[in-house]
Protein backbone atom coordinates (compact mmCIF):
# COMPACT_ATOMS: atom_id res chain seq x y z
CA MET A 1 -16.21 28.60 -17.37
CA ALA A 2 -17.77 28.25 -13.96
CA GLY A 3 -17.79 25.51 -11.38
CA ALA A 4 -20.45 23.31 -9.80
CA ALA A 5 -23.20 25.90 -10.22
CA GLU A 6 -22.66 26.13 -13.97
CA LEU A 7 -22.31 22.35 -14.23
CA ALA A 8 -25.70 21.99 -12.53
CA ALA A 9 -27.20 24.51 -14.93
CA ALA A 10 -25.58 22.84 -17.94
CA THR A 11 -26.98 19.46 -16.95
CA GLY A 12 -30.41 20.73 -16.03
CA THR A 13 -29.91 19.49 -12.47
CA ALA A 14 -29.82 22.81 -10.66
CA GLY A 15 -31.86 22.89 -7.47
CA ALA A 16 -32.87 19.69 -5.69
CA ALA A 17 -30.51 17.44 -7.63
CA GLY A 18 -27.70 19.95 -8.13
CA ASP A 19 -25.83 18.80 -5.01
CA VAL A 20 -24.97 15.50 -6.71
CA LEU A 21 -22.53 17.43 -8.90
CA ALA A 22 -20.51 19.00 -6.09
CA GLY A 23 -17.15 17.90 -4.75
CA VAL A 24 -15.38 14.73 -5.83
CA HIS A 25 -16.78 11.22 -6.21
CA LEU A 26 -15.09 7.88 -5.59
CA LEU A 27 -15.39 4.95 -8.03
CA ALA A 28 -14.98 1.53 -6.43
CA TYR A 29 -16.00 -2.10 -6.26
CA THR A 30 -17.68 -2.62 -2.90
CA ASP A 31 -16.01 -5.96 -2.18
CA ARG A 32 -12.53 -4.99 -3.39
CA LEU A 33 -12.25 -1.87 -1.24
CA GLY A 34 -14.64 -1.98 1.70
CA GLY A 35 -15.43 -5.70 1.82
CA ASP A 36 -19.17 -5.08 1.81
CA LEU A 37 -21.61 -2.17 1.82
CA ALA A 38 -21.30 -1.63 5.56
CA GLY A 39 -17.53 -1.45 5.18
CA MET A 40 -17.84 1.08 2.35
CA ARG A 41 -20.10 3.18 4.55
CA ARG A 42 -17.51 3.24 7.34
CA LEU A 43 -14.74 4.29 4.95
CA LEU A 44 -16.83 7.07 3.40
CA THR A 45 -18.53 8.50 6.47
CA THR A 46 -16.31 8.02 9.52
CA GLY A 47 -13.13 6.73 7.92
CA PRO A 48 -10.24 8.04 5.81
CA LEU A 49 -12.33 8.56 2.66
CA ASP A 50 -14.81 10.98 4.21
CA ARG A 51 -13.57 13.78 1.94
CA PHE A 52 -15.57 12.32 -0.95
CA SER A 53 -19.02 13.81 -1.57
CA GLY A 54 -20.31 10.84 -3.54
CA VAL A 55 -19.53 7.33 -4.68
CA HIS A 56 -20.16 5.25 -7.76
CA LEU A 57 -20.69 1.73 -6.46
CA LEU A 58 -19.71 -0.60 -9.28
CA PRO A 59 -22.22 -3.43 -9.77
CA PHE A 60 -23.36 -4.81 -6.44
CA PHE A 61 -26.22 -6.81 -7.93
CA THR A 62 -26.63 -10.58 -7.89
CA PRO A 63 -24.00 -11.82 -8.57
CA PHE A 64 -21.37 -9.15 -8.00
CA ASP A 65 -18.63 -11.63 -8.97
CA GLY A 66 -19.96 -13.18 -12.16
CA ASP A 67 -18.26 -13.61 -15.52
CA ASP A 68 -17.76 -9.85 -15.93
CA ALA A 69 -17.32 -8.57 -12.36
CA GLY A 70 -21.00 -7.77 -11.89
CA PHE A 71 -21.72 -6.43 -15.37
CA ASP A 72 -23.60 -9.64 -16.15
CA PRO A 73 -26.50 -9.48 -13.67
CA VAL A 74 -28.54 -12.58 -13.05
CA ASP A 75 -30.85 -10.37 -10.98
CA HIS A 76 -30.34 -6.66 -11.61
CA GLY A 77 -33.03 -5.85 -9.05
CA THR A 78 -31.42 -7.35 -5.94
CA VAL A 79 -28.30 -6.62 -3.94
CA ASP A 80 -25.97 -9.60 -3.69
CA PRO A 81 -26.49 -10.82 -0.11
CA CYS A 82 -22.73 -11.24 0.26
CA LEU A 83 -22.50 -7.45 0.13
CA GLY A 84 -25.62 -6.41 2.01
CA THR A 85 -29.14 -5.24 1.25
CA TRP A 86 -30.97 -2.32 -0.32
CA ALA A 87 -31.18 -0.88 3.21
CA ASP A 88 -27.37 -0.69 3.23
CA VAL A 89 -27.43 1.18 -0.06
CA ARG A 90 -30.07 3.53 1.31
CA ALA A 91 -27.96 4.16 4.43
CA LEU A 92 -25.17 5.58 2.27
CA ALA A 93 -27.62 7.96 0.63
CA ASP A 94 -29.10 8.94 4.00
CA ASP A 95 -25.57 9.84 5.14
CA GLY A 96 -25.53 12.52 2.46
CA LEU A 97 -23.45 10.76 -0.18
CA ALA A 98 -24.47 11.20 -3.80
CA LEU A 99 -24.83 7.64 -5.11
CA THR A 100 -24.20 6.48 -8.65
CA ALA A 101 -25.15 2.98 -9.83
CA ASP A 102 -25.10 1.18 -13.16
CA LEU A 103 -28.12 0.50 -15.32
CA ILE A 104 -26.78 -2.21 -17.62
CA VAL A 105 -28.90 -1.44 -20.67
CA ASN A 106 -27.24 -3.64 -23.27
CA HIS A 107 -27.50 -7.10 -21.70
CA VAL A 108 -28.23 -9.44 -18.82
CA SER A 109 -26.75 -12.78 -17.80
CA ALA A 110 -27.71 -15.90 -19.74
CA ARG A 111 -28.47 -17.33 -16.28
CA SER A 112 -31.11 -14.69 -15.53
CA ARG A 113 -34.65 -15.90 -14.83
CA GLU A 114 -35.90 -13.93 -17.82
CA PHE A 115 -33.56 -15.57 -20.33
CA THR A 116 -33.83 -19.08 -18.91
CA ASP A 117 -37.63 -18.78 -18.93
CA TRP A 118 -37.53 -17.69 -22.57
CA LEU A 119 -35.33 -20.66 -23.46
CA ALA A 120 -37.76 -22.97 -21.65
CA HIS A 121 -41.06 -21.57 -23.00
CA GLY A 122 -40.29 -19.62 -26.17
CA THR A 123 -43.17 -17.49 -27.38
CA ALA A 124 -45.23 -18.49 -24.31
CA SER A 125 -42.69 -16.81 -22.01
CA PRO A 126 -43.64 -13.40 -20.58
CA TRP A 127 -40.11 -12.36 -21.56
CA ASP A 128 -40.53 -13.24 -25.23
CA GLY A 129 -39.17 -10.34 -27.27
CA MET A 130 -36.86 -9.11 -24.53
CA PHE A 131 -33.72 -10.59 -26.12
CA LEU A 132 -32.18 -9.60 -29.41
CA THR A 133 -31.87 -12.40 -31.94
CA TYR A 134 -30.12 -12.41 -35.29
CA ASP A 135 -33.36 -12.38 -37.26
CA ARG A 136 -34.68 -9.28 -35.45
CA VAL A 137 -31.85 -7.27 -36.99
CA PHE A 138 -31.47 -9.19 -40.25
CA PRO A 139 -34.96 -10.57 -41.05
CA HIS A 140 -33.89 -11.18 -44.66
CA GLY A 141 -30.35 -12.24 -43.84
CA GLY A 142 -27.18 -10.25 -43.48
CA THR A 143 -24.35 -10.07 -45.97
CA GLU A 144 -20.75 -10.59 -45.08
CA ALA A 145 -20.26 -6.82 -45.32
CA ASP A 146 -23.25 -6.20 -43.01
CA ILE A 147 -21.93 -8.51 -40.32
CA THR A 148 -18.24 -7.57 -40.44
CA ARG A 149 -19.15 -3.86 -40.32
CA ILE A 150 -20.47 -4.26 -36.75
CA TYR A 151 -18.25 -2.58 -34.15
CA ARG A 152 -17.55 -4.89 -31.23
CA PRO A 153 -15.26 -4.44 -28.20
CA ARG A 154 -14.01 -8.02 -28.58
CA GLY A 155 -12.61 -10.16 -31.35
CA GLY A 156 -14.93 -12.35 -33.41
CA LEU A 157 -18.65 -12.05 -34.13
CA PRO A 158 -21.35 -10.83 -31.70
CA PHE A 159 -23.62 -13.89 -31.79
CA THR A 160 -23.93 -17.02 -29.65
CA PRO A 161 -26.07 -20.07 -30.51
CA TYR A 162 -28.67 -21.09 -27.91
CA GLN A 163 -31.22 -23.88 -28.14
CA GLN A 164 -34.72 -23.57 -26.72
CA ALA A 165 -36.47 -26.44 -24.94
CA ASP A 166 -38.49 -27.39 -28.02
CA GLY A 167 -35.28 -27.78 -30.02
CA THR A 168 -35.48 -24.44 -31.80
CA ARG A 169 -32.00 -23.05 -32.43
CA ARG A 170 -31.51 -19.30 -32.05
CA LEU A 171 -28.61 -16.98 -32.68
CA VAL A 172 -28.66 -14.48 -29.82
CA TRP A 173 -26.70 -11.23 -29.90
CA THR A 174 -23.87 -11.28 -27.34
CA THR A 175 -21.89 -8.10 -27.85
CA PHE A 176 -19.49 -8.75 -24.97
CA LEU A 177 -19.34 -12.32 -23.64
CA PRO A 178 -21.37 -15.40 -24.69
CA SER A 179 -22.94 -15.33 -21.22
CA GLN A 180 -24.07 -11.69 -21.63
CA VAL A 181 -27.21 -11.80 -23.78
CA ASP A 182 -28.26 -8.55 -25.41
CA LEU A 183 -31.60 -6.88 -24.84
CA ASP A 184 -33.87 -5.75 -27.65
CA VAL A 185 -34.10 -2.28 -26.18
CA ASP A 186 -36.87 -1.24 -28.57
CA HIS A 187 -39.21 -4.02 -27.44
CA PRO A 188 -41.85 -3.11 -24.83
CA VAL A 189 -40.86 -6.04 -22.57
CA ALA A 190 -37.24 -4.87 -22.45
CA ARG A 191 -38.33 -1.27 -21.89
CA GLU A 192 -40.49 -2.27 -18.93
CA TYR A 193 -37.57 -4.28 -17.52
CA LEU A 194 -35.31 -1.21 -17.71
CA ARG A 195 -37.94 1.02 -16.12
CA ARG A 196 -38.37 -1.45 -13.25
CA ILE A 197 -34.63 -1.36 -12.53
CA MET A 198 -34.64 2.46 -12.64
CA ARG A 199 -37.43 2.55 -10.07
CA THR A 200 -35.60 0.10 -7.82
CA LEU A 201 -32.42 2.17 -7.92
CA ALA A 202 -34.25 5.45 -7.28
CA ALA A 203 -36.13 3.94 -4.32
CA ALA A 204 -32.78 2.99 -2.75
CA GLY A 205 -31.50 6.56 -2.89
CA VAL A 206 -29.42 6.35 -6.06
CA ARG A 207 -29.14 9.83 -7.56
CA ILE A 208 -27.13 9.22 -10.76
CA VAL A 209 -27.70 6.25 -13.04
CA ARG A 210 -25.00 5.29 -15.51
CA LEU A 211 -26.23 3.85 -18.80
CA ASP A 212 -23.55 1.21 -19.21
CA ALA A 213 -22.46 0.22 -22.74
CA VAL A 214 -25.32 2.20 -24.27
CA GLY A 215 -23.31 2.88 -27.42
CA TYR A 216 -23.82 -0.76 -28.46
CA ALA A 217 -27.47 -1.06 -27.47
CA VAL A 218 -29.15 -0.51 -30.86
CA LYS A 219 -28.23 -2.66 -33.84
CA THR A 220 -29.01 -1.11 -37.23
CA PRO A 221 -28.42 -2.95 -40.51
CA GLY A 222 -26.02 -1.21 -42.88
CA THR A 223 -24.14 0.56 -40.06
CA ASP A 224 -21.47 -0.35 -37.52
CA SER A 225 -24.27 -0.29 -34.89
CA PHE A 226 -22.24 1.94 -32.58
CA VAL A 227 -23.40 5.45 -31.59
CA THR A 228 -25.58 5.74 -34.67
CA PRO A 229 -28.56 8.10 -35.07
CA GLU A 230 -30.71 5.21 -33.86
CA THR A 231 -28.51 4.92 -30.76
CA LEU A 232 -28.95 8.62 -30.03
CA ARG A 233 -32.70 8.25 -30.41
CA PHE A 234 -32.70 5.48 -27.81
CA VAL A 235 -30.50 7.57 -25.51
CA ARG A 236 -33.03 10.40 -25.63
CA GLU A 237 -35.83 7.97 -24.77
CA ALA A 238 -33.85 6.33 -21.94
CA VAL A 239 -33.01 9.74 -20.49
CA ALA A 240 -36.69 10.68 -20.51
CA MET A 241 -37.54 7.45 -18.67
CA ALA A 242 -34.84 8.09 -16.06
CA HIS A 243 -35.92 11.68 -15.53
CA GLU A 244 -39.45 10.48 -14.86
CA GLU A 245 -37.97 8.45 -11.99
CA GLY A 246 -36.01 11.46 -10.68
CA LEU A 247 -32.61 10.18 -11.79
CA VAL A 248 -29.68 12.13 -13.23
CA VAL A 249 -28.27 10.32 -16.29
CA LEU A 250 -24.60 9.59 -16.98
CA VAL A 251 -23.76 7.93 -20.29
CA GLU A 252 -20.69 5.79 -20.86
CA VAL A 253 -19.48 5.87 -24.46
CA HIS A 254 -15.93 5.33 -25.66
CA ALA A 255 -15.93 7.01 -29.05
CA HIS A 256 -14.50 9.78 -31.19
CA VAL A 257 -14.78 13.19 -29.52
CA SER A 258 -17.40 14.28 -32.05
CA GLN A 259 -19.62 11.39 -30.98
CA GLN A 260 -19.03 12.26 -27.32
CA GLN A 261 -20.04 15.84 -28.03
CA ALA A 262 -23.21 14.66 -29.77
CA VAL A 263 -24.15 12.44 -26.83
CA ALA A 264 -23.34 15.20 -24.33
CA GLU A 265 -26.12 17.36 -25.78
CA LEU A 266 -28.71 14.67 -24.99
CA VAL A 267 -27.83 13.64 -21.43
CA ASP A 268 -27.02 15.10 -18.05
CA LEU A 269 -23.43 13.84 -17.81
CA VAL A 270 -20.79 12.23 -20.02
CA TYR A 271 -17.26 11.10 -19.24
CA ASP A 272 -14.27 13.11 -20.40
CA PHE A 273 -12.50 10.03 -21.70
CA ALA A 274 -10.26 12.15 -23.95
CA LEU A 275 -8.45 13.65 -20.96
CA PRO A 276 -6.40 10.58 -19.82
CA PRO A 277 -4.72 9.86 -23.18
CA LEU A 278 -4.03 13.56 -23.69
CA LEU A 279 -2.34 13.72 -20.27
CA LEU A 280 -0.30 10.60 -21.08
CA HIS A 281 0.67 12.12 -24.42
CA ALA A 282 1.78 15.34 -22.70
CA MET A 283 3.75 13.36 -20.09
CA GLY A 284 5.54 11.34 -22.77
CA THR A 285 6.26 14.08 -25.30
CA GLY A 286 6.06 17.37 -23.40
CA ARG A 287 3.64 18.63 -26.04
CA ILE A 288 0.57 20.23 -24.47
CA GLY A 289 -1.00 21.47 -27.72
CA PRO A 290 -3.58 18.65 -28.07
CA LEU A 291 -4.51 18.98 -24.39
CA VAL A 292 -4.99 22.75 -24.71
CA GLU A 293 -7.05 22.25 -27.88
CA TRP A 294 -9.36 19.86 -26.02
CA LEU A 295 -9.76 22.18 -23.03
CA GLU A 296 -11.14 24.82 -25.36
CA VAL A 297 -13.94 22.65 -26.78
CA ARG A 298 -14.70 19.89 -24.27
CA PRO A 299 -18.32 19.59 -23.07
CA ARG A 300 -19.11 21.27 -19.77
CA ASN A 301 -21.31 18.48 -18.40
CA THR A 302 -18.49 16.01 -17.85
CA ILE A 303 -17.24 13.57 -15.28
CA THR A 304 -13.45 13.64 -15.41
CA VAL A 305 -11.43 10.47 -14.89
CA LEU A 306 -7.91 9.09 -15.18
CA ASP A 307 -8.18 5.30 -14.95
CA THR A 308 -11.40 3.39 -14.30
CA HIS A 309 -12.43 -0.22 -13.68
CA ASP A 310 -11.96 -0.84 -17.43
CA GLY A 311 -8.42 0.54 -17.48
CA ILE A 312 -7.49 3.71 -19.35
CA GLY A 313 -9.71 4.73 -22.24
CA VAL A 314 -7.63 5.99 -25.15
CA VAL A 315 -9.66 5.58 -28.35
CA ASP A 316 -11.54 8.78 -27.53
CA ALA A 317 -8.54 10.97 -28.36
CA GLY A 318 -7.72 9.29 -31.67
CA PRO A 319 -9.13 9.45 -35.19
CA GLY A 320 -12.49 7.84 -35.88
CA ALA A 321 -15.95 8.31 -37.37
CA GLY A 322 -14.15 9.36 -40.57
CA ARG A 323 -12.57 12.33 -38.78
CA PRO A 324 -9.11 13.20 -37.48
CA GLY A 325 -8.56 12.95 -33.75
CA LEU A 326 -6.95 15.12 -31.14
CA LEU A 327 -4.04 12.70 -31.59
CA ASP A 328 -3.16 11.19 -34.98
CA GLU A 329 -2.48 7.50 -35.65
CA GLU A 330 1.26 7.89 -35.15
CA GLU A 331 0.77 9.63 -31.81
CA MET A 332 -1.71 6.99 -30.71
CA ALA A 333 0.75 4.22 -31.63
CA ALA A 334 3.45 6.00 -29.62
CA LEU A 335 1.08 6.20 -26.64
CA PHE A 336 0.62 2.42 -26.64
CA ALA A 337 4.34 1.85 -27.17
CA ARG A 338 5.27 4.02 -24.19
CA ALA A 339 2.72 2.26 -22.01
CA ALA A 340 4.13 -1.13 -23.03
CA GLU A 341 7.69 0.00 -22.34
CA LEU A 342 6.88 1.43 -18.91
CA THR A 343 4.87 -1.64 -17.85
CA GLY A 344 7.49 -4.11 -19.03
CA GLY A 345 5.22 -5.22 -21.87
CA ALA A 346 2.33 -6.06 -19.53
CA SER A 347 -0.10 -3.48 -20.92
CA ASP A 348 0.42 -4.81 -24.43
CA ARG A 349 -0.30 -8.38 -23.33
CA MET A 350 -3.34 -7.48 -21.24
CA SER A 351 -5.11 -4.96 -23.50
CA GLN A 352 -7.77 -6.52 -25.68
CA ARG A 353 -8.08 -5.65 -29.34
CA VAL A 354 -11.41 -4.53 -30.77
CA ALA A 355 -12.58 -6.56 -33.77
CA TRP A 356 -11.11 -5.31 -37.07
CA THR A 357 -8.83 -2.71 -35.45
CA ARG A 358 -5.07 -2.52 -35.04
CA VAL A 359 -4.89 -1.15 -31.51
CA PRO A 360 -6.93 -1.56 -28.30
CA HIS A 361 -9.49 1.08 -27.39
CA GLN A 362 -8.38 0.86 -23.76
CA ILE A 363 -5.08 0.23 -22.03
CA ALA A 364 -5.47 -2.49 -19.43
CA SER A 365 -3.33 -1.00 -16.69
CA THR A 366 -3.35 1.22 -13.65
CA PHE A 367 -2.51 4.85 -14.32
CA LEU A 368 0.57 4.76 -12.10
CA SER A 369 1.91 1.72 -13.96
CA VAL A 370 1.76 3.41 -17.38
CA LEU A 371 3.69 6.29 -15.81
CA GLY A 372 6.44 3.88 -14.82
CA GLY A 373 5.61 4.25 -11.12
CA ASP A 374 6.37 8.00 -11.14
CA ALA A 375 4.35 9.35 -8.19
CA THR A 376 4.90 12.99 -9.19
CA ALA A 377 3.50 12.31 -12.66
CA LEU A 378 0.42 10.62 -11.17
CA VAL A 379 -0.27 13.45 -8.71
CA LEU A 380 0.27 16.00 -11.50
CA ALA A 381 -2.31 14.20 -13.65
CA ARG A 382 -4.70 14.03 -10.69
CA ALA A 383 -4.23 17.72 -10.02
CA VAL A 384 -5.11 18.61 -13.61
CA GLN A 385 -8.21 16.42 -13.34
CA VAL A 386 -9.26 18.08 -10.07
CA PHE A 387 -8.67 21.58 -11.45
CA LEU A 388 -10.83 21.12 -14.55
CA PRO A 389 -14.53 22.03 -14.80
CA GLY A 390 -16.78 19.03 -14.37
CA LEU A 391 -17.22 16.44 -11.65
CA PRO A 392 -13.96 14.63 -10.77
CA GLN A 393 -14.28 10.89 -10.16
CA VAL A 394 -11.34 9.03 -8.60
CA TYR A 395 -10.90 5.29 -9.07
CA TYR A 396 -9.89 3.50 -5.89
CA VAL A 397 -6.80 1.78 -7.34
CA GLY A 398 -5.45 5.07 -8.69
CA LEU A 399 -6.15 6.82 -5.39
CA LEU A 400 -4.18 4.18 -3.50
CA GLY A 401 -1.24 4.33 -5.89
CA GLY A 402 -1.85 0.82 -7.15
CA LEU A 403 0.44 -0.87 -9.65
CA ASN A 404 -0.67 -3.62 -12.01
CA ASP A 405 -1.85 -6.77 -10.26
CA VAL A 406 -0.29 -9.08 -12.83
CA PRO A 407 -0.88 -12.24 -10.75
CA GLN A 408 -4.60 -11.50 -10.70
CA TYR A 409 -4.54 -11.08 -14.47
CA GLU A 410 -2.70 -14.36 -14.87
CA ARG A 411 -5.17 -16.19 -12.59
CA THR A 412 -8.23 -14.89 -14.45
CA GLY A 413 -6.97 -14.34 -17.99
CA GLN A 414 -8.81 -11.00 -17.94
CA GLY A 415 -6.56 -8.01 -18.66
CA ARG A 416 -8.78 -5.53 -16.85
CA GLU A 417 -8.34 -7.51 -13.62
CA ALA A 418 -4.82 -6.07 -13.32
CA ASN A 419 -6.48 -2.75 -12.45
CA ARG A 420 -9.07 -4.24 -10.06
CA HIS A 421 -6.96 -5.21 -7.07
CA ARG A 422 -8.71 -6.69 -4.03
CA TYR A 423 -7.41 -4.76 -1.03
CA THR A 424 -7.22 -6.51 2.31
CA ALA A 425 -7.79 -4.35 5.39
CA GLU A 426 -4.04 -4.35 6.05
CA GLU A 427 -3.18 -3.40 2.46
CA LEU A 428 -5.70 -0.56 2.60
CA ARG A 429 -4.27 0.81 5.85
CA ASP A 430 -0.75 0.70 4.43
CA ALA A 431 -1.74 2.31 1.12
CA LEU A 432 -3.50 5.19 2.87
CA THR A 433 -0.31 6.10 4.72
CA THR A 434 1.70 6.62 1.52
CA GLU A 435 2.48 10.11 0.29
CA VAL A 436 0.93 9.43 -3.12
CA ALA A 437 -2.45 8.57 -1.57
CA ARG A 438 -2.34 11.40 0.99
CA ALA A 439 -1.41 13.93 -1.72
CA GLN A 440 -4.40 12.86 -3.80
CA LEU A 441 -6.69 13.02 -0.76
CA ALA A 442 -5.43 16.58 -0.16
CA LEU A 443 -6.47 17.47 -3.72
CA VAL A 444 -9.88 15.87 -3.13
CA ALA A 445 -10.34 17.95 0.03
CA LEU A 446 -9.20 21.11 -1.77
CA ARG A 447 -11.70 20.61 -4.60
CA THR A 448 -14.51 19.70 -2.21
CA GLU A 449 -14.00 22.50 0.32
CA HIS A 450 -12.23 25.53 -1.22
CA PRO A 451 -14.72 28.29 -2.17
CA ALA A 452 -12.79 29.21 -5.32
CA PHE A 453 -14.11 26.12 -7.13
CA ALA A 454 -17.60 27.65 -7.06
CA GLY A 455 -16.28 30.55 -9.14
CA GLU A 456 -14.78 31.16 -12.58
CA HIS A 457 -12.27 28.92 -14.34
CA SER A 458 -9.58 29.99 -16.78
CA VAL A 459 -6.65 28.46 -18.65
CA GLU A 460 -3.29 30.10 -19.32
CA VAL A 461 -0.51 28.65 -21.49
CA LEU A 462 2.94 29.63 -20.22
CA ASP A 463 5.11 27.89 -22.82
CA GLU A 464 5.34 24.69 -24.86
CA HIS A 465 5.44 22.50 -21.73
CA ARG A 466 3.50 24.40 -19.06
CA ILE A 467 -0.14 25.26 -18.49
CA VAL A 468 -1.85 27.12 -15.64
CA LEU A 469 -5.37 26.37 -14.43
CA HIS A 470 -7.07 29.07 -12.32
CA TRP A 471 -10.26 29.25 -10.26
CA THR A 472 -11.42 32.54 -8.76
CA ALA A 473 -14.36 33.49 -6.54
CA GLY A 474 -13.82 36.93 -5.06
CA GLU A 475 -10.83 36.82 -2.69
CA HIS A 476 -10.73 33.04 -2.92
CA ARG A 477 -8.32 31.72 -5.54
CA VAL A 478 -6.62 28.46 -6.44
CA ARG A 479 -3.98 27.90 -9.09
CA LEU A 480 -2.22 24.90 -10.59
CA ILE A 481 0.96 25.23 -12.67
CA ALA A 482 1.35 21.94 -14.52
CA ASP A 483 4.77 21.33 -16.09
CA PHE A 484 4.96 18.46 -18.60
CA THR A 485 8.66 18.75 -19.42
CA PRO A 486 9.59 15.19 -20.54
CA GLY A 487 11.21 13.24 -17.73
CA ARG A 488 10.74 16.09 -15.23
CA PRO A 489 7.03 16.50 -14.46
CA GLN A 490 6.38 19.17 -11.84
CA LEU A 491 3.42 20.85 -10.21
CA ARG A 492 2.79 23.91 -8.09
CA VAL A 493 -0.54 24.23 -6.28
CA ALA A 494 -1.46 27.52 -4.63
CA ALA A 495 -4.57 28.16 -2.55
CA THR A 496 -5.60 31.63 -1.39
CA THR A 497 -8.23 32.72 1.10
CA PRO A 498 -8.66 36.14 2.79
CA GLU A 499 -6.32 34.81 5.49
CA GLY A 500 -3.40 34.20 3.11
CA THR A 501 -1.84 31.86 0.53
CA VAL A 502 -0.22 28.47 0.86
CA GLU A 503 1.68 26.55 -1.80
CA ALA A 504 2.76 22.98 -2.42
CA THR A 505 5.38 22.09 -5.02
CA SER A 506 5.83 18.37 -4.46
CA VAL A 507 3.98 15.19 -3.61
CA ALA A 508 5.43 15.34 -0.09
CA GLU A 509 4.20 18.91 0.46
CA LEU A 510 0.71 18.05 -0.80
CA ALA A 511 0.67 14.99 1.45
CA ALA A 512 1.43 17.28 4.38
CA TRP A 513 -1.63 19.37 3.44
CA ASP A 514 -3.71 16.27 3.99
CA ALA A 515 -2.53 16.09 7.58
CA VAL A 516 -2.86 19.76 8.55
CA ALA A 517 -5.34 21.21 6.02
CA ALA A 518 -2.81 23.99 5.43
CA TRP A 519 -4.91 25.94 2.95
CA ARG A 520 -7.91 26.41 5.23
């Protein structure tokens, strides 16, 4: 397998847009890391995070601090003035950073002008048809089996009653929160809304658009309405729309690996959400078999992650869609149990159950917390991520070695808030001086700058606990030996150029690379 060049070819983005797939991208909330867009620009261009080649700015629309941390836009087409303007977004792009932004395709806020106008004027509203109502999906009524079959990332049913100004009562689909009203993505009014947002993002210099929660976007009677053939049809159509606007498309779907593989064939980029639970499984058991199995079949057009703003996705490695998983039910249960033990029970309290399932589909926690604060284990996991084909994306809390912000969870009642810490300027300065952050920044610089990552990738299994990841481009070589021996995680990173070879075998040694760029 090859590096960025093959990834660009695999995604169909070779040439003018191929540069968006190079290096390593940062994933961050603007306000929680940089304060505002100008602050993010300073960090990424002249500050300590200038090693990153791109950034995914989590929702910065109006309001960025709504009921779901920006994923409930009242106005998806404007930048929240507390953060800046579209000119500030454009400035990041003009500085050479590859920008990713969210296109929230499943819903908008119940406070949006479109929804409030529809409530006020009904069929006379220009937005009539934009919102999905119960009768659009079940015109002849739905049976108990029809309704309880629906897959939902929350407990309860996905409907909320709303009353229009003339007294008409409507059941509106609300897949996530009652204040997040679902779009009827097959209606022309909703399609034109989505196209308008795509054009706005492209005009501001956004290169990659993430179709957020697209797996839930199409509701089909008689199915679970999650990543169905009808969903895949909509994905194809949304990708075509985005390509017309010059955008590269990333799709976010937490699902069985077979469903991920099906989606990967239709889009430019998908997340490798199976990687984090497989790494946690290897850390906890020492067994690398499931990880090796996945490395042999995983899609090439992936963005690799550890934790994200939603926590740690785990459902992707387990059984589902009537098929066995990379991990079986017992192994998945053990994964959750280890996380709960190492977080003092916090991850179990904070992780939200999906309707009709026994376990969460995500662990609400930072990655370092579910590793019991073991910095070597975190840097080992990050090194594996950085050494895999695909585009590595590093979440700001993980980069800074963040532990669970339990007080923030307790204040908000939202489990995912534990992994969304708001860094003050002083906290950020202190975090960036730690060895765990500097070691990860050294890995980011290595992946971004070393010529070997433009070459060929290979995997070697040494024994039941150890795996070797190689990249080679002529005389330029890099190698990672990842040792998952239970209780004794270890790593050895070697980087070779025509001038010689340097090695790091600990977090401290990698952190020193960050200071002196030893491998150059």
